[in-house]
Amino acid sequence: QTCALPISLGGASIEIIDDTIIARCRESIGYADLADFVQGDAGALLMIEVYAEDAAELRSHLDRIEAQMVRPDSAYACVSTTDAREQARMWRVREAGLGLLMSLRGDAKPIAYVEDTAVPPERLADFIERFDAIVAAHGTEAAHYGHASVGCMHIRPVVNIKTVEGANTMHAIASEVADLVVEFGGSLSGEHGDGILRGVFTERMFGPRLTEAFREVKRTFDPQGILNPGKIVDTPPFDDNLRLGPDTVNVEPRTVLDWAFEGGLARAAEQCNGQAICLKDEGTMCPSFMVTHDEQHSTRGRANLVRQALNGGLPAEELAGARIHEVLDLCVECKACQSECSSGVDVAKVKYEVLNAYHEVHGLPLRAWLFGHLEIGRAHV
């Protein structure tokens, strides 16, 4: 149930997280404890950060928010804290929102194709209701999170774009949402940019006169069309440049491990959504990347290379080739990716399978044989 947002109360930040993210958080190995502060089965969280000159004023501010929000037609509970560490833990749920959503297993994912809409904040509740009606009419559901204070919501309808039907549904929802945003006087690109994805709706958003002005500016400074072509104006079709699509055909090699949970080795690699939480210098994931700072040694780099070998981006034999073996060789199989990656990418398990395929082709090295037979050697001694 939607309600008016307490923007007038002067929140420094007002963010929304829906129940999909809460559920994914509670099911995640590395993130489950972050949702401890959530009471019951909340339909959504409205996270409000406030500031004040002293503790008394701060407490008064928090009390006013609770008085306005906790009522039968709005929220059933309010959790507040002034402890900096606890605040940081709460915000981590919001920060991990994208990755947690993409931890959903299977081909149907809450992907980004209408996730940057922005409308006047005072109209946000009505907008979300209309948006959800569009999504429901297409037989699916959406995950919600974003910046409620400025009316910029990241709403991600679940769709399987690896099927023609799913790709068509994605296009239909995007087109109807574009019309809805225009009706509400908003923007399709509230936080990021039009680029390729939203460029197909540029004329619908700005009208033919402004669109032609964009085109003239582009021609003036780039008459040969070589500087970042196909962005904002004269973009390719909506369903071009898909990372995955109806044409994606994965090779499913013979495996020795059970991949039922992941849906196969290829889907285990596709679980990486490119968010790049792994490109960091803190925590545990990934020890080798934090030493080399070479992306091929990151969780993302490894998962994408394996994915390319399975979907035809690389020759299928590369799965057991020297290139992928080299990239996976520095993986120390610490399993940190399984817990620290909010999408649950398990590169260690992928390495076990790929390493087996490599040894089947190239044979077992002496070092591996010796370590695998230590107990036999000890018995003979």
Protein backbone atom coordinates (compact mmCIF):
# COMPACT_ATOMS: atom_id res chain seq x y z
CA GLN A 1 0.00 0.00 0.00
CA THR A 2 1.44 3.34 -1.02
CA CYS A 3 1.44 6.44 1.14
CA ALA A 4 2.67 10.01 1.14
CA LEU A 5 6.39 10.33 1.80
CA PRO A 6 7.62 12.45 4.73
CA ILE A 7 9.83 14.61 2.56
CA SER A 8 8.71 17.72 4.44
CA LEU A 9 10.41 16.36 7.56
CA GLY A 10 13.83 17.18 6.12
CA GLY A 11 15.35 13.76 5.63
CA ALA A 12 18.91 13.92 4.33
CA SER A 13 18.21 10.68 2.47
CA ILE A 14 14.97 8.80 1.83
CA GLU A 15 15.30 5.40 0.14
CA ILE A 16 12.91 2.55 -0.63
CA ILE A 17 13.72 -1.18 -0.54
CA ASP A 18 10.97 -3.67 -1.35
CA ASP A 19 10.24 -7.13 0.01
CA THR A 20 12.03 -8.85 -2.89
CA ILE A 21 15.36 -7.42 -1.74
CA ILE A 22 14.57 -8.22 1.90
CA ALA A 23 13.82 -11.84 0.97
CA ARG A 24 16.98 -12.17 -1.12
CA CYS A 25 18.99 -10.64 1.73
CA ARG A 26 17.62 -13.12 4.26
CA GLU A 27 18.44 -16.02 1.93
CA SER A 28 22.00 -14.87 1.21
CA ILE A 29 24.92 -16.55 2.96
CA GLY A 30 26.89 -13.35 3.39
CA TYR A 31 24.08 -10.82 3.86
CA ALA A 32 21.40 -12.55 5.96
CA ASP A 33 22.39 -10.92 9.25
CA LEU A 34 22.05 -7.43 7.75
CA ALA A 35 18.27 -7.79 7.71
CA ASP A 36 18.03 -8.53 11.43
CA PHE A 37 16.55 -5.09 12.08
CA VAL A 38 13.54 -5.75 9.81
CA GLN A 39 10.49 -6.63 11.92
CA GLY A 40 8.12 -9.19 10.43
CA ASP A 41 7.38 -9.66 6.75
CA ALA A 42 7.55 -6.07 5.60
CA GLY A 43 6.20 -5.23 2.16
CA ALA A 44 8.92 -2.61 1.87
CA LEU A 45 11.32 -0.47 3.86
CA LEU A 46 11.39 3.30 3.77
CA MET A 47 14.85 4.22 5.01
CA ILE A 48 15.15 7.81 6.24
CA GLU A 49 18.41 9.37 7.39
CA VAL A 50 18.21 12.65 9.32
CA TYR A 51 20.67 14.99 10.99
CA ALA A 52 20.48 17.58 13.77
CA GLU A 53 22.64 19.94 15.81
CA ASP A 54 22.35 17.92 19.05
CA ALA A 55 21.00 14.62 20.41
CA ALA A 56 17.77 16.12 21.72
CA GLU A 57 16.88 17.70 18.39
CA LEU A 58 17.76 14.46 16.61
CA ARG A 59 15.51 12.42 18.88
CA SER A 60 12.68 14.87 18.33
CA HIS A 61 13.17 14.61 14.58
CA LEU A 62 13.01 10.81 14.68
CA ASP A 63 9.92 10.89 16.88
CA ARG A 64 8.11 13.18 14.42
CA ILE A 65 8.85 10.78 11.57
CA GLU A 66 7.57 7.81 13.56
CA ALA A 67 4.41 9.68 14.56
CA GLN A 68 3.65 10.53 10.94
CA MET A 69 4.49 7.16 9.42
CA VAL A 70 3.35 4.49 11.90
CA ARG A 71 -0.39 4.32 11.34
CA PRO A 72 -2.86 1.78 9.90
CA ASP A 73 -2.67 3.07 6.31
CA SER A 74 1.12 3.25 6.23
CA ALA A 75 3.81 1.55 8.31
CA TYR A 76 3.35 -0.93 11.16
CA ALA A 77 6.77 -0.41 12.78
CA CYS A 78 9.62 2.07 12.96
CA VAL A 79 13.20 1.07 13.80
CA SER A 80 15.63 3.89 14.54
CA THR A 81 19.23 4.07 15.69
CA THR A 82 21.83 6.75 16.30
CA ASP A 83 24.70 4.25 16.37
CA ALA A 84 26.95 4.84 13.35
CA ARG A 85 27.93 1.18 12.95
CA GLU A 86 24.34 0.00 13.05
CA GLN A 87 23.36 2.67 10.54
CA ALA A 88 26.09 1.46 8.20
CA ARG A 89 24.79 -2.11 8.47
CA MET A 90 21.28 -0.97 7.59
CA TRP A 91 22.51 0.99 4.58
CA ARG A 92 24.42 -2.05 3.32
CA VAL A 93 21.08 -3.72 2.57
CA ARG A 94 20.26 -0.80 0.26
CA GLU A 95 23.75 -0.73 -1.27
CA ALA A 96 23.60 -4.44 -2.04
CA GLY A 97 20.09 -4.15 -3.50
CA LEU A 98 21.05 -4.64 -7.16
CA GLY A 99 23.24 -7.65 -6.51
CA LEU A 100 20.70 -9.22 -4.16
CA LEU A 101 17.98 -8.90 -6.79
CA MET A 102 20.19 -10.54 -9.39
CA SER A 103 20.87 -13.45 -7.03
CA LEU A 104 17.52 -14.83 -8.21
CA ARG A 105 18.25 -18.20 -9.82
CA GLY A 106 17.08 -19.12 -13.30
CA ASP A 107 16.79 -17.32 -16.63
CA ALA A 108 14.04 -14.92 -15.53
CA LYS A 109 15.75 -11.94 -13.90
CA PRO A 110 14.78 -8.46 -12.68
CA ILE A 111 16.97 -6.78 -15.28
CA ALA A 112 17.54 -3.10 -16.02
CA TYR A 113 15.49 -1.79 -18.91
CA VAL A 114 13.07 0.66 -17.25
CA GLU A 115 14.87 1.05 -13.94
CA ASP A 116 15.80 4.72 -14.02
CA THR A 117 12.47 6.50 -14.14
CA ALA A 118 11.96 9.70 -12.15
CA VAL A 119 8.78 11.66 -11.53
CA PRO A 120 7.88 14.51 -9.15
CA PRO A 121 8.12 13.01 -5.63
CA GLU A 122 4.61 14.10 -4.71
CA ARG A 123 3.31 11.93 -7.59
CA LEU A 124 5.53 8.93 -6.91
CA ALA A 125 2.93 6.79 -5.12
CA ASP A 126 0.42 7.09 -7.97
CA PHE A 127 3.18 6.49 -10.51
CA ILE A 128 4.29 3.25 -8.84
CA GLU A 129 0.71 1.97 -8.74
CA ARG A 130 0.30 2.61 -12.46
CA PHE A 131 3.74 1.16 -13.20
CA ASP A 132 2.92 -2.03 -11.29
CA ALA A 133 -0.38 -2.31 -13.17
CA ILE A 134 1.53 -2.33 -16.47
CA VAL A 135 3.87 -5.02 -15.19
CA ALA A 136 1.00 -7.16 -13.87
CA ALA A 137 -0.85 -6.86 -17.20
CA HIS A 138 2.13 -8.57 -18.80
CA GLY A 139 1.98 -11.45 -16.35
CA THR A 140 5.07 -10.68 -14.33
CA GLU A 141 6.16 -8.78 -11.24
CA ALA A 142 8.78 -6.16 -10.44
CA ALA A 143 11.32 -5.39 -7.75
CA HIS A 144 11.53 -1.83 -6.39
CA TYR A 145 14.26 0.21 -4.80
CA GLY A 146 15.56 3.71 -5.19
CA HIS A 147 15.66 7.33 -4.19
CA ALA A 148 12.15 8.15 -2.98
CA SER A 149 13.14 11.64 -1.87
CA VAL A 150 13.65 12.74 -5.47
CA GLY A 151 11.12 10.45 -7.12
CA CYS A 152 13.78 8.36 -8.86
CA MET A 153 12.90 4.68 -8.62
CA HIS A 154 14.76 1.65 -9.90
CA ILE A 155 11.87 -0.65 -10.78
CA ARG A 156 12.95 -3.90 -12.40
CA PRO A 157 10.28 -6.14 -13.94
CA VAL A 158 11.25 -9.82 -14.03
CA VAL A 159 11.61 -11.15 -17.56
CA ASN A 160 13.38 -13.99 -19.34
CA ILE A 161 15.00 -12.30 -22.31
CA LYS A 162 16.53 -15.59 -23.46
CA THR A 163 13.15 -16.31 -25.07
CA VAL A 164 11.48 -14.45 -27.93
CA GLU A 165 8.35 -14.03 -25.81
CA GLY A 166 10.37 -12.58 -22.94
CA ALA A 167 12.22 -10.17 -25.23
CA ASN A 168 8.91 -8.99 -26.68
CA THR A 169 7.49 -8.52 -23.17
CA MET A 170 10.51 -6.44 -22.22
CA HIS A 171 10.01 -4.18 -25.25
CA ALA A 172 6.27 -3.82 -24.59
CA ILE A 173 6.74 -2.91 -20.92
CA ALA A 174 9.47 -0.41 -21.80
CA SER A 175 7.26 1.28 -24.39
CA GLU A 176 4.26 1.54 -22.06
CA VAL A 177 6.42 2.81 -19.19
CA ALA A 178 7.87 5.49 -21.50
CA ASP A 179 4.33 6.74 -22.18
CA LEU A 180 3.56 6.64 -18.45
CA VAL A 181 6.64 8.71 -17.59
CA VAL A 182 5.66 11.33 -20.17
CA GLU A 183 2.14 11.43 -18.71
CA PHE A 184 3.55 12.07 -15.22
CA GLY A 185 5.95 14.76 -16.43
CA GLY A 186 9.00 12.71 -15.52
CA SER A 187 12.20 11.42 -17.04
CA LEU A 188 13.25 7.98 -18.26
CA SER A 189 16.80 8.79 -17.20
CA GLY A 190 16.47 10.13 -13.70
CA GLU A 191 19.94 9.23 -12.54
CA HIS A 192 22.01 7.88 -15.40
CA GLY A 193 21.76 8.61 -19.13
CA ASP A 194 19.69 7.89 -22.23
CA GLY A 195 22.51 6.09 -24.04
CA ILE A 196 21.43 3.21 -26.27
CA LEU A 197 18.74 1.60 -24.14
CA ARG A 198 16.55 4.67 -23.62
CA GLY A 199 17.67 6.48 -26.75
CA VAL A 200 14.95 4.75 -28.75
CA PHE A 201 12.43 6.78 -26.74
CA THR A 202 14.24 10.12 -27.04
CA GLU A 203 11.73 11.60 -29.48
CA ARG A 204 8.82 10.38 -27.38
CA MET A 205 10.33 12.12 -24.34
CA PHE A 206 11.49 15.37 -25.92
CA GLY A 207 9.43 15.70 -29.10
CA PRO A 208 10.62 15.90 -32.74
CA ARG A 209 11.89 19.49 -32.57
CA LEU A 210 14.28 18.96 -29.65
CA THR A 211 15.32 15.55 -30.96
CA GLU A 212 16.31 17.10 -34.27
CA ALA A 213 18.24 19.77 -32.34
CA PHE A 214 20.13 16.98 -30.56
CA ARG A 215 20.87 15.46 -33.96
CA GLU A 216 22.14 18.79 -35.35
CA VAL A 217 24.49 19.27 -32.38
CA LYS A 218 25.79 15.78 -32.93
CA ARG A 219 26.37 16.37 -36.66
CA THR A 220 28.06 19.72 -35.98
CA PHE A 221 30.69 18.35 -33.63
CA ASP A 222 30.91 14.86 -35.12
CA PRO A 223 30.13 15.09 -38.85
CA GLN A 224 31.59 11.65 -39.58
CA GLY A 225 29.66 9.97 -36.78
CA ILE A 226 32.70 8.37 -35.17
CA LEU A 227 32.46 9.74 -31.63
CA ASN A 228 30.32 7.39 -29.54
CA PRO A 229 27.81 6.75 -32.34
CA GLY A 230 24.30 5.46 -31.81
CA LYS A 231 23.71 7.12 -28.46
CA ILE A 232 20.65 9.27 -27.60
CA VAL A 233 19.75 9.83 -31.28
CA ASP A 234 19.80 7.38 -34.19
CA THR A 235 20.18 4.51 -31.77
CA PRO A 236 19.99 0.83 -32.75
CA PRO A 237 16.74 -1.10 -32.08
CA PHE A 238 15.73 -1.65 -28.47
CA ASP A 239 16.58 -5.35 -28.53
CA ASP A 240 20.08 -4.92 -29.99
CA ASN A 241 23.26 -5.21 -27.89
CA LEU A 242 21.71 -7.64 -25.43
CA ARG A 243 24.19 -9.40 -23.14
CA LEU A 244 21.84 -12.37 -23.18
CA GLY A 245 18.98 -12.86 -25.59
CA PRO A 246 16.91 -15.31 -27.64
CA ASP A 247 20.02 -16.08 -29.69
CA THR A 248 22.00 -17.15 -26.62
CA VAL A 249 22.73 -20.87 -26.93
CA ASN A 250 24.80 -22.33 -24.14
CA VAL A 251 26.89 -25.44 -24.45
CA GLU A 252 26.21 -27.74 -21.52
CA PRO A 253 29.31 -29.87 -21.20
CA ARG A 254 29.39 -33.15 -19.32
CA THR A 255 30.01 -32.29 -15.68
CA VAL A 256 31.04 -34.21 -12.57
CA LEU A 257 29.45 -31.92 -9.97
CA ASP A 258 25.75 -31.41 -9.28
CA TRP A 259 24.63 -28.12 -10.85
CA ALA A 260 20.90 -28.54 -10.21
CA PHE A 261 20.73 -25.55 -7.84
CA GLU A 262 22.43 -23.25 -10.35
CA GLY A 263 20.58 -24.66 -13.36
CA GLY A 264 23.77 -25.82 -15.06
CA LEU A 265 27.36 -24.62 -15.38
CA ALA A 266 26.45 -21.91 -17.88
CA ARG A 267 23.83 -20.38 -15.61
CA ALA A 268 26.31 -20.45 -12.74
CA ALA A 269 28.61 -18.25 -14.82
CA GLU A 270 25.70 -16.06 -15.98
CA GLN A 271 24.90 -15.36 -12.33
CA CYS A 272 27.50 -12.58 -12.55
CA ASN A 273 25.64 -9.39 -13.53
CA GLY A 274 28.76 -7.22 -13.87
CA GLN A 275 28.08 -5.05 -10.81
CA ALA A 276 31.79 -5.34 -9.88
CA ILE A 277 31.52 -5.57 -6.11
CA CYS A 278 34.54 -7.85 -6.51
CA LEU A 279 36.75 -5.00 -7.76
CA LYS A 280 37.82 -3.82 -4.33
CA ASP A 281 40.70 -3.76 -1.87
CA GLU A 282 38.87 -4.77 1.30
CA GLY A 283 37.13 -7.81 2.71
CA THR A 284 38.14 -11.23 1.41
CA MET A 285 36.90 -11.44 -2.20
CA CYS A 286 39.07 -11.86 -4.18
CA PRO A 287 42.59 -12.39 -2.72
CA SER A 288 44.34 -12.78 -6.06
CA PHE A 289 42.65 -9.71 -7.59
CA MET A 290 43.61 -7.59 -4.59
CA VAL A 291 47.23 -8.50 -5.34
CA THR A 292 47.30 -8.26 -9.14
CA HIS A 293 44.56 -5.61 -9.69
CA ASP A 294 44.02 -7.34 -13.04
CA GLU A 295 40.33 -7.75 -13.78
CA GLN A 296 40.82 -11.17 -15.31
CA HIS A 297 41.64 -12.34 -11.79
CA SER A 298 38.44 -10.87 -10.32
CA THR A 299 35.27 -12.84 -9.73
CA ARG A 300 33.64 -10.94 -12.58
CA GLY A 301 36.50 -11.50 -14.99
CA ARG A 302 36.63 -15.24 -14.35
CA ALA A 303 32.86 -15.76 -14.52
CA ASN A 304 32.55 -13.82 -17.77
CA LEU A 305 35.39 -15.68 -19.44
CA VAL A 306 33.79 -19.03 -18.61
CA ARG A 307 30.42 -17.68 -19.78
CA GLN A 308 31.93 -16.69 -23.13
CA ALA A 309 33.35 -20.18 -23.62
CA LEU A 310 29.90 -21.67 -23.06
CA ASN A 311 27.77 -19.32 -25.17
CA GLY A 312 29.90 -19.19 -28.30
CA GLY A 313 31.74 -15.96 -27.60
CA LEU A 314 34.87 -18.11 -27.48
CA PRO A 315 35.41 -21.52 -29.07
CA ALA A 316 33.87 -24.24 -26.88
CA GLU A 317 37.22 -26.01 -26.57
CA GLU A 318 38.55 -22.97 -24.71
CA LEU A 319 36.74 -24.24 -21.61
CA ALA A 320 39.56 -26.77 -21.29
CA GLY A 321 42.14 -24.45 -22.80
CA ALA A 322 45.22 -22.76 -21.43
CA ARG A 323 43.68 -19.25 -21.33
CA ILE A 324 40.87 -20.05 -18.91
CA HIS A 325 43.13 -22.36 -16.93
CA GLU A 326 45.59 -19.50 -16.46
CA VAL A 327 42.87 -17.10 -15.29
CA LEU A 328 41.43 -19.61 -12.81
CA ASP A 329 44.83 -20.79 -11.60
CA LEU A 330 45.21 -17.93 -9.09
CA CYS A 331 41.77 -18.62 -7.59
CA VAL A 332 42.62 -19.99 -4.15
CA GLU A 333 39.12 -21.46 -3.76
CA CYS A 334 38.47 -19.53 -0.55
CA LYS A 335 34.74 -19.34 -1.38
CA ALA A 336 34.63 -15.66 -0.37
CA CYS A 337 32.85 -14.86 -3.64
CA GLN A 338 29.96 -17.11 -2.68
CA SER A 339 29.27 -15.01 0.42
CA GLU A 340 30.59 -11.52 -0.46
CA CYS A 341 29.18 -11.38 -3.99
CA SER A 342 25.58 -10.28 -3.45
CA SER A 343 24.55 -12.24 -6.55
CA GLY A 344 26.07 -15.44 -5.16
CA VAL A 345 28.61 -16.16 -7.90
CA ASP A 346 30.62 -19.22 -6.85
CA VAL A 347 33.82 -19.12 -8.89
CA ALA A 348 35.46 -21.78 -6.71
CA LYS A 349 32.85 -24.37 -7.73
CA VAL A 350 33.18 -23.30 -11.36
CA LYS A 351 36.93 -23.78 -11.08
CA TYR A 352 36.53 -27.35 -9.81
CA GLU A 353 34.52 -28.24 -12.91
CA VAL A 354 36.73 -26.40 -15.38
CA LEU A 355 39.88 -27.82 -13.81
CA ASN A 356 38.46 -31.32 -14.23
CA ALA A 357 37.74 -30.62 -17.91
CA TYR A 358 41.27 -29.27 -18.37
CA HIS A 359 42.88 -32.34 -16.77
CA GLU A 360 40.75 -34.68 -18.86
CA VAL A 361 42.24 -33.13 -21.98
CA HIS A 362 45.80 -32.42 -20.81
CA GLY A 363 46.29 -35.08 -18.18
CA LEU A 364 46.89 -34.81 -14.45
CA PRO A 365 50.11 -32.99 -13.49
CA LEU A 366 52.52 -34.79 -11.20
CA ARG A 367 52.09 -32.23 -8.42
CA ALA A 368 48.31 -32.74 -8.33
CA TRP A 369 48.75 -36.53 -8.35
CA LEU A 370 51.22 -36.42 -5.47
CA PHE A 371 49.01 -34.20 -3.32
CA GLY A 372 46.00 -36.37 -4.13
CA HIS A 373 47.82 -39.51 -2.98
CA LEU A 374 49.49 -38.29 0.21
CA GLU A 375 47.66 -40.87 2.32
CA ILE A 376 48.80 -43.70 0.04
CA GLY A 377 52.40 -42.54 0.30
CA ARG A 378 52.17 -42.30 4.07
CA ALA A 379 50.77 -45.86 4.30
CA HIS A 380 53.71 -47.25 2.33
CA VAL A 381 56.22 -45.46 4.59
